[in-house]
Amino acid sequence: MPKFTLDGVDDGPLRKKEKRTAYLIAVHQKREAVRVYAVLAVSAETALSQVRALATEDMAVDVVGALSRDLARQLGLKPGEMRLV
C-alpha cells in the first residue's frame, strides 16, 4: 500500500523518510524580549515559514541554531510542532 507525503508524492517502498532537525527560531519584536521557538522540520526554510505564518508584520524572524537529536527527543517535539524554549 503506497504512502503519501504532504506534497502528494508516492513514497514507495524504497524512499526513506526525510530527516528532521529541531531548529531554534528567534522572533524579535520592538520593546519585547526575544522569543526563541524550537521547531522540528525537514529544513530551516520550512521552520522559518511555519513561524512567519504566525508572526505579524512588525516581527523579525531568524534561525539562531539547532537542538541535538537527544534534546529534541527529551522535549518530546513532534514533526511540525513549534514550542517556546
N, C-alpha and C. Protein backbone atom coordinates (compact mmCIF):
# COMPACT_ATOMS: atom_id res chain seq x y z
N MET A 1 0.85 -1.18 0.00
CA MET A 1 0.00 0.00 0.00
C MET A 1 0.90 1.24 0.00
N PRO A 2 0.77 2.14 -0.98
CA PRO A 2 1.64 3.32 -1.04
C PRO A 2 1.27 4.34 0.04
N LYS A 3 2.30 5.02 0.50
CA LYS A 3 2.10 6.09 1.46
C LYS A 3 2.29 7.41 0.75
N PHE A 4 1.59 8.43 1.19
CA PHE A 4 1.70 9.73 0.56
C PHE A 4 2.19 10.75 1.57
N THR A 5 3.06 11.63 1.11
CA THR A 5 3.53 12.72 1.96
C THR A 5 2.60 13.91 1.78
N LEU A 6 2.88 15.00 2.47
CA LEU A 6 2.03 16.18 2.36
C LEU A 6 2.01 16.77 0.96
N ASP A 7 3.09 16.54 0.18
CA ASP A 7 3.12 17.08 -1.17
C ASP A 7 2.44 16.17 -2.19
N GLY A 8 1.92 15.03 -1.73
CA GLY A 8 1.18 14.13 -2.60
C GLY A 8 2.04 13.19 -3.41
N VAL A 9 3.34 13.14 -3.17
CA VAL A 9 4.24 12.26 -3.91
C VAL A 9 4.22 10.89 -3.27
N ASP A 10 4.17 9.86 -4.10
CA ASP A 10 4.17 8.49 -3.60
C ASP A 10 5.52 8.17 -2.98
N ASP A 11 5.52 7.76 -1.70
CA ASP A 11 6.76 7.43 -1.01
C ASP A 11 7.41 6.18 -1.59
N GLY A 12 6.61 5.22 -1.97
CA GLY A 12 7.14 3.97 -2.49
C GLY A 12 7.85 3.16 -1.41
N PRO A 13 8.19 1.92 -1.71
CA PRO A 13 8.80 1.06 -0.69
C PRO A 13 10.25 1.41 -0.39
N LEU A 14 10.97 2.07 -1.30
CA LEU A 14 12.40 2.32 -1.10
C LEU A 14 12.72 3.74 -0.66
N ARG A 15 11.76 4.64 -0.68
CA ARG A 15 12.03 6.03 -0.31
C ARG A 15 12.08 6.16 1.21
N LYS A 16 13.18 6.73 1.70
CA LYS A 16 13.34 6.90 3.14
C LYS A 16 12.64 8.17 3.61
N LYS A 17 12.30 8.19 4.90
CA LYS A 17 11.75 9.40 5.49
C LYS A 17 12.84 10.46 5.52
N GLU A 18 12.45 11.70 5.31
CA GLU A 18 13.42 12.78 5.38
C GLU A 18 13.76 13.04 6.84
N LYS A 19 15.04 13.33 7.09
CA LYS A 19 15.47 13.61 8.45
C LYS A 19 14.98 14.98 8.87
N ARG A 20 14.59 15.09 10.11
CA ARG A 20 14.12 16.35 10.65
C ARG A 20 15.11 16.85 11.68
N THR A 21 15.21 18.15 11.78
CA THR A 21 16.08 18.80 12.75
C THR A 21 15.24 19.76 13.57
N ALA A 22 15.59 19.90 14.83
CA ALA A 22 14.91 20.86 15.69
C ALA A 22 15.64 22.19 15.58
N TYR A 23 15.09 23.10 14.79
CA TYR A 23 15.70 24.42 14.58
C TYR A 23 15.24 25.38 15.66
N LEU A 24 16.14 26.26 16.06
CA LEU A 24 15.82 27.32 17.01
C LEU A 24 15.55 28.59 16.21
N ILE A 25 14.35 29.12 16.33
CA ILE A 25 13.92 30.29 15.58
C ILE A 25 13.67 31.44 16.56
N ALA A 26 14.37 32.56 16.37
CA ALA A 26 14.20 33.73 17.23
C ALA A 26 13.19 34.68 16.61
N VAL A 27 12.29 35.19 17.43
CA VAL A 27 11.28 36.16 16.98
C VAL A 27 11.54 37.47 17.73
N HIS A 28 11.91 38.51 16.97
CA HIS A 28 12.22 39.82 17.54
C HIS A 28 11.03 40.75 17.32
N GLN A 29 10.65 41.45 18.38
CA GLN A 29 9.57 42.42 18.29
C GLN A 29 10.00 43.65 19.08
N LYS A 30 9.65 44.84 18.59
CA LYS A 30 10.02 46.08 19.27
C LYS A 30 9.56 46.08 20.71
N ARG A 31 10.46 46.50 21.58
CA ARG A 31 10.17 46.69 23.01
C ARG A 31 9.71 45.41 23.72
N GLU A 32 10.05 44.28 23.17
CA GLU A 32 9.71 43.00 23.79
C GLU A 32 10.97 42.14 23.87
N ALA A 33 10.98 41.20 24.79
CA ALA A 33 12.09 40.25 24.88
C ALA A 33 12.06 39.33 23.65
N VAL A 34 13.24 38.89 23.24
CA VAL A 34 13.33 37.96 22.11
C VAL A 34 12.76 36.62 22.54
N ARG A 35 11.89 36.07 21.72
CA ARG A 35 11.33 34.75 21.98
C ARG A 35 12.00 33.75 21.05
N VAL A 36 12.35 32.60 21.61
CA VAL A 36 13.01 31.56 20.81
C VAL A 36 12.13 30.32 20.83
N TYR A 37 11.83 29.82 19.63
CA TYR A 37 10.99 28.64 19.46
C TYR A 37 11.81 27.50 18.89
N ALA A 38 11.52 26.29 19.33
CA ALA A 38 12.10 25.08 18.74
C ALA A 38 11.05 24.52 17.78
N VAL A 39 11.47 24.29 16.54
CA VAL A 39 10.56 23.78 15.51
C VAL A 39 11.20 22.56 14.86
N LEU A 40 10.52 21.43 14.89
CA LEU A 40 11.02 20.20 14.27
C LEU A 40 10.57 20.19 12.81
N ALA A 41 11.54 20.35 11.90
CA ALA A 41 11.21 20.46 10.48
C ALA A 41 12.30 19.82 9.62
N VAL A 42 11.99 19.61 8.35
CA VAL A 42 12.91 19.00 7.40
C VAL A 42 14.03 19.98 7.02
N SER A 43 13.71 21.26 6.93
CA SER A 43 14.71 22.26 6.55
C SER A 43 14.49 23.53 7.35
N ALA A 44 15.52 24.38 7.35
CA ALA A 44 15.43 25.66 8.05
C ALA A 44 14.37 26.54 7.40
N GLU A 45 14.25 26.48 6.08
CA GLU A 45 13.25 27.28 5.37
C GLU A 45 11.83 26.89 5.78
N THR A 46 11.61 25.60 5.95
CA THR A 46 10.30 25.11 6.37
C THR A 46 9.98 25.61 7.78
N ALA A 47 10.97 25.54 8.67
CA ALA A 47 10.77 26.01 10.04
C ALA A 47 10.49 27.52 10.06
N LEU A 48 11.26 28.28 9.27
CA LEU A 48 11.04 29.73 9.20
C LEU A 48 9.65 30.06 8.67
N SER A 49 9.21 29.38 7.64
CA SER A 49 7.90 29.67 7.06
C SER A 49 6.78 29.35 8.05
N GLN A 50 6.98 28.31 8.87
CA GLN A 50 5.96 27.96 9.86
C GLN A 50 5.84 29.06 10.92
N VAL A 51 6.96 29.61 11.36
CA VAL A 51 6.92 30.67 12.36
C VAL A 51 6.43 31.97 11.75
N ARG A 52 6.87 32.27 10.53
CA ARG A 52 6.43 33.50 9.86
C ARG A 52 4.92 33.53 9.63
N ALA A 53 4.33 32.37 9.44
CA ALA A 53 2.88 32.30 9.23
C ALA A 53 2.12 32.81 10.44
N LEU A 54 2.72 32.70 11.62
CA LEU A 54 2.06 33.16 12.85
C LEU A 54 2.55 34.53 13.32
N ALA A 55 3.61 35.03 12.71
CA ALA A 55 4.18 36.32 13.12
C ALA A 55 3.45 37.46 12.42
N THR A 56 3.50 38.64 13.05
CA THR A 56 2.92 39.83 12.44
C THR A 56 3.98 40.55 11.62
N GLU A 57 3.57 41.60 10.92
CA GLU A 57 4.47 42.31 10.02
C GLU A 57 5.63 42.99 10.74
N ASP A 58 5.43 43.42 11.99
CA ASP A 58 6.48 44.13 12.71
C ASP A 58 7.46 43.21 13.43
N MET A 59 7.36 41.90 13.22
CA MET A 59 8.26 40.94 13.86
C MET A 59 9.32 40.47 12.88
N ALA A 60 10.56 40.35 13.37
CA ALA A 60 11.66 39.79 12.58
C ALA A 60 11.89 38.35 13.03
N VAL A 61 12.08 37.46 12.08
CA VAL A 61 12.23 36.02 12.37
C VAL A 61 13.56 35.55 11.80
N ASP A 62 14.38 34.89 12.64
CA ASP A 62 15.71 34.40 12.22
C ASP A 62 15.97 33.02 12.79
N VAL A 63 16.77 32.22 12.05
CA VAL A 63 17.26 30.95 12.58
C VAL A 63 18.49 31.27 13.41
N VAL A 64 18.53 30.79 14.66
CA VAL A 64 19.66 31.09 15.53
C VAL A 64 20.43 29.83 15.95
N GLY A 65 19.95 28.66 15.57
CA GLY A 65 20.66 27.45 15.92
C GLY A 65 19.80 26.22 15.75
N ALA A 66 20.26 25.14 16.38
CA ALA A 66 19.53 23.87 16.31
C ALA A 66 19.76 23.10 17.60
N LEU A 67 18.84 22.21 17.92
CA LEU A 67 18.97 21.36 19.09
C LEU A 67 19.54 20.01 18.68
N SER A 68 20.17 19.34 19.61
CA SER A 68 20.64 17.99 19.34
C SER A 68 19.44 17.06 19.23
N ARG A 69 19.66 15.93 18.60
CA ARG A 69 18.59 14.96 18.44
C ARG A 69 18.09 14.46 19.80
N ASP A 70 19.03 14.25 20.73
CA ASP A 70 18.64 13.76 22.06
C ASP A 70 17.80 14.78 22.81
N LEU A 71 18.17 16.06 22.72
CA LEU A 71 17.40 17.09 23.42
C LEU A 71 16.01 17.24 22.80
N ALA A 72 15.92 17.15 21.48
CA ALA A 72 14.61 17.21 20.81
C ALA A 72 13.72 16.06 21.27
N ARG A 73 14.30 14.89 21.45
CA ARG A 73 13.53 13.74 21.94
C ARG A 73 13.08 13.95 23.38
N GLN A 74 13.99 14.49 24.22
CA GLN A 74 13.64 14.74 25.62
C GLN A 74 12.51 15.76 25.75
N LEU A 75 12.49 16.75 24.85
CA LEU A 75 11.42 17.73 24.86
C LEU A 75 10.12 17.17 24.30
N GLY A 76 10.21 16.04 23.59
CA GLY A 76 9.03 15.42 23.02
C GLY A 76 8.48 16.17 21.81
N LEU A 77 9.37 16.83 21.06
CA LEU A 77 8.92 17.57 19.87
C LEU A 77 8.42 16.61 18.81
N LYS A 78 7.33 16.97 18.19
CA LYS A 78 6.76 16.19 17.10
C LYS A 78 6.93 16.97 15.80
N PRO A 79 6.95 16.30 14.66
CA PRO A 79 7.12 16.98 13.38
C PRO A 79 6.10 18.10 13.19
N GLY A 80 6.60 19.27 12.85
CA GLY A 80 5.74 20.43 12.61
C GLY A 80 5.34 21.18 13.87
N GLU A 81 5.70 20.65 15.03
CA GLU A 81 5.33 21.30 16.30
C GLU A 81 6.28 22.47 16.58
N MET A 82 5.73 23.52 17.16
CA MET A 82 6.50 24.70 17.50
C MET A 82 6.37 24.92 19.01
N ARG A 83 7.50 25.00 19.71
CA ARG A 83 7.46 25.12 21.17
C ARG A 83 8.40 26.24 21.63
N LEU A 84 7.88 27.08 22.53
CA LEU A 84 8.67 28.15 23.11
C LEU A 84 9.70 27.53 24.07
N VAL A 85 10.97 27.91 23.89
CA VAL A 85 12.03 27.39 24.77
C VAL A 85 12.71 28.51 25.52
